[in-house]
N, C-alpha and C. Protein backbone atom coordinates (compact mmCIF):
# COMPACT_ATOMS: atom_id res chain seq x y z
N UNK A 1 101.45 239.91 67.86
CA UNK A 1 102.09 238.62 67.96
C UNK A 1 101.67 237.77 66.76
N UNK A 2 102.63 237.15 66.11
CA UNK A 2 102.35 236.31 64.95
C UNK A 2 102.03 234.88 65.39
N UNK A 3 101.09 234.21 64.67
CA UNK A 3 100.79 232.82 65.02
C UNK A 3 101.99 231.92 64.73
N UNK A 4 102.14 230.90 65.55
CA UNK A 4 103.24 229.95 65.35
C UNK A 4 102.97 229.14 64.09
N UNK A 5 103.98 228.93 63.28
CA UNK A 5 103.84 228.11 62.08
C UNK A 5 104.71 226.88 62.24
N UNK A 6 104.16 225.79 61.85
CA UNK A 6 104.84 224.51 62.01
C UNK A 6 104.60 223.70 60.74
N UNK A 7 105.61 222.99 60.27
CA UNK A 7 105.41 222.14 59.09
C UNK A 7 104.59 220.92 59.49
N UNK A 8 103.62 220.60 58.66
CA UNK A 8 102.75 219.45 58.92
C UNK A 8 102.94 218.46 57.78
N UNK A 9 103.26 217.22 58.15
CA UNK A 9 103.44 216.17 57.14
C UNK A 9 102.08 215.72 56.63
N UNK A 10 101.98 215.53 55.30
CA UNK A 10 100.74 215.03 54.74
C UNK A 10 100.71 213.51 54.84
N UNK A 11 99.66 213.00 55.44
CA UNK A 11 99.50 211.57 55.66
C UNK A 11 98.16 211.16 55.07
N UNK A 12 98.11 210.04 54.34
CA UNK A 12 96.82 209.60 53.80
C UNK A 12 95.82 209.37 54.92
N UNK A 13 94.57 209.66 54.67
CA UNK A 13 93.53 209.53 55.68
C UNK A 13 93.27 208.07 56.06
N UNK A 14 93.44 207.16 55.11
CA UNK A 14 93.20 205.74 55.38
C UNK A 14 94.31 204.92 54.75
N UNK A 15 94.44 203.70 55.23
CA UNK A 15 95.39 202.76 54.65
C UNK A 15 94.81 202.24 53.34
N UNK A 16 95.64 201.98 52.33
CA UNK A 16 95.11 201.42 51.09
C UNK A 16 94.54 200.02 51.34
N UNK A 17 93.47 199.71 50.65
CA UNK A 17 92.83 198.41 50.78
C UNK A 17 93.66 197.37 50.05
N UNK A 18 93.97 196.23 50.70
CA UNK A 18 94.74 195.19 50.01
C UNK A 18 93.93 194.63 48.84
N UNK A 19 94.62 194.24 47.79
CA UNK A 19 93.93 193.69 46.62
C UNK A 19 93.38 192.31 46.96
N UNK A 20 92.17 192.04 46.51
CA UNK A 20 91.50 190.77 46.75
C UNK A 20 91.34 190.08 45.41
N UNK A 21 91.64 188.79 45.39
CA UNK A 21 91.51 188.03 44.15
C UNK A 21 90.03 187.84 43.82
N UNK A 22 89.66 188.18 42.61
CA UNK A 22 88.26 188.05 42.17
C UNK A 22 87.91 186.58 41.99
N UNK A 23 86.65 186.21 42.29
CA UNK A 23 86.22 184.83 42.07
C UNK A 23 86.35 184.44 40.61
N UNK A 24 86.62 183.17 40.37
CA UNK A 24 86.77 182.66 39.01
C UNK A 24 85.38 182.36 38.46
N UNK A 25 85.04 182.92 37.32
CA UNK A 25 83.75 182.67 36.68
C UNK A 25 84.00 181.86 35.42
N UNK A 26 83.35 180.68 35.36
CA UNK A 26 83.57 179.77 34.24
C UNK A 26 82.44 179.93 33.22
N UNK A 27 82.75 180.34 31.99
CA UNK A 27 81.70 180.47 30.98
C UNK A 27 81.21 179.10 30.52
N UNK A 28 79.94 179.02 30.17
CA UNK A 28 79.38 177.77 29.67
C UNK A 28 79.87 177.54 28.25
N UNK A 29 80.04 176.27 27.87
CA UNK A 29 80.44 175.94 26.51
C UNK A 29 79.22 175.40 25.76
N UNK A 30 79.36 175.23 24.47
CA UNK A 30 78.25 174.71 23.66
C UNK A 30 77.77 173.38 24.22
N UNK A 31 76.46 173.20 24.27
CA UNK A 31 75.90 171.95 24.75
C UNK A 31 75.63 171.95 26.26
N UNK A 32 76.27 172.83 27.00
CA UNK A 32 76.01 172.92 28.43
C UNK A 32 74.86 173.90 28.64
N UNK A 33 74.28 173.86 29.86
CA UNK A 33 73.29 174.88 30.13
C UNK A 33 74.00 176.24 30.14
N UNK A 34 73.29 177.28 29.92
CA UNK A 34 73.90 178.60 29.77
C UNK A 34 73.94 179.37 31.09
N UNK A 35 73.84 178.65 32.22
CA UNK A 35 73.94 179.29 33.52
C UNK A 35 75.37 179.75 33.76
N UNK A 36 75.51 180.78 34.60
CA UNK A 36 76.84 181.30 34.94
C UNK A 36 77.20 180.81 36.34
N UNK A 37 78.45 180.40 36.52
CA UNK A 37 78.92 179.87 37.80
C UNK A 37 80.14 180.65 38.28
N UNK A 38 80.30 180.73 39.59
CA UNK A 38 81.55 181.22 40.17
C UNK A 38 82.03 180.15 41.15
N UNK A 39 83.34 179.96 41.21
CA UNK A 39 83.94 178.97 42.09
C UNK A 39 85.05 179.66 42.86
N UNK A 40 85.04 179.48 44.19
CA UNK A 40 86.08 180.09 45.01
C UNK A 40 86.30 179.26 46.27
N UNK A 41 87.42 179.49 46.93
CA UNK A 41 87.74 178.80 48.17
C UNK A 41 87.45 179.72 49.35
N UNK A 42 87.06 179.11 50.46
CA UNK A 42 86.81 179.84 51.70
C UNK A 42 87.29 178.98 52.86
N UNK A 43 87.52 179.59 54.00
CA UNK A 43 87.96 178.87 55.18
C UNK A 43 86.87 178.97 56.24
N UNK A 44 86.44 177.82 56.75
CA UNK A 44 85.44 177.79 57.82
C UNK A 44 86.09 178.23 59.13
N UNK A 45 85.28 178.60 60.12
CA UNK A 45 85.83 179.03 61.42
C UNK A 45 86.72 177.97 62.08
N UNK A 46 86.48 176.67 61.78
CA UNK A 46 87.30 175.62 62.38
C UNK A 46 88.60 175.38 61.61
N UNK A 47 88.83 176.17 60.53
CA UNK A 47 90.07 176.06 59.77
C UNK A 47 89.97 175.17 58.53
N UNK A 48 88.85 174.52 58.31
CA UNK A 48 88.65 173.66 57.16
C UNK A 48 88.53 174.51 55.89
N UNK A 49 89.28 174.16 54.85
CA UNK A 49 89.20 174.88 53.57
C UNK A 49 88.16 174.18 52.71
N UNK A 50 87.23 174.97 52.16
CA UNK A 50 86.17 174.43 51.32
C UNK A 50 86.15 175.15 49.99
N UNK A 51 85.61 174.49 48.96
CA UNK A 51 85.41 175.11 47.66
C UNK A 51 83.92 175.32 47.49
N UNK A 52 83.54 176.54 47.12
CA UNK A 52 82.13 176.88 46.94
C UNK A 52 81.90 177.12 45.46
N UNK A 53 80.90 176.46 44.90
CA UNK A 53 80.52 176.64 43.51
C UNK A 53 79.09 177.16 43.52
N UNK A 54 78.89 178.36 42.96
CA UNK A 54 77.58 179.01 43.03
C UNK A 54 77.08 179.31 41.62
N UNK A 55 75.81 178.96 41.37
CA UNK A 55 75.14 179.29 40.12
C UNK A 55 74.65 180.72 40.26
N UNK A 56 75.18 181.64 39.45
CA UNK A 56 74.84 183.05 39.57
C UNK A 56 73.42 183.36 39.11
N UNK A 57 72.83 182.47 38.32
CA UNK A 57 71.48 182.72 37.82
C UNK A 57 70.41 182.23 38.78
N UNK A 58 70.64 181.08 39.44
CA UNK A 58 69.62 180.49 40.32
C UNK A 58 69.92 180.66 41.80
N UNK A 59 71.19 180.95 42.14
CA UNK A 59 71.57 181.08 43.55
C UNK A 59 71.94 179.75 44.19
N UNK A 60 71.74 178.65 43.46
CA UNK A 60 72.10 177.34 44.00
C UNK A 60 73.60 177.24 44.19
N UNK A 61 74.03 176.64 45.32
CA UNK A 61 75.46 176.50 45.53
C UNK A 61 75.77 175.15 46.16
N UNK A 62 77.02 174.69 45.90
CA UNK A 62 77.51 173.46 46.52
C UNK A 62 78.80 173.80 47.25
N UNK A 63 79.01 173.10 48.37
CA UNK A 63 80.21 173.30 49.18
C UNK A 63 80.89 171.94 49.32
N UNK A 64 82.18 171.85 48.93
CA UNK A 64 82.92 170.61 49.08
C UNK A 64 84.22 170.92 49.83
N UNK A 65 84.62 170.00 50.71
CA UNK A 65 85.85 170.18 51.47
C UNK A 65 87.04 169.88 50.58
N UNK A 66 88.07 170.72 50.68
CA UNK A 66 89.32 170.51 49.94
C UNK A 66 90.19 169.59 50.77
N UNK A 67 90.90 168.70 50.11
CA UNK A 67 91.78 167.77 50.82
C UNK A 67 93.19 168.30 50.86
């Protein structure tokens, strides 16, 4: 007796990851301190949109609410 053969569709193992926008990094200009910063928006659990500015060298960050 021969084994049954059936066509099998090839399906990707996982769904592709959606593209995420990279944080904006602002380079320092002449005369400014040479620290590196990133600025991005985030949403708090209560729905408030905030802007986070983080110093990549010191870890210091500020959070301000967007209007």
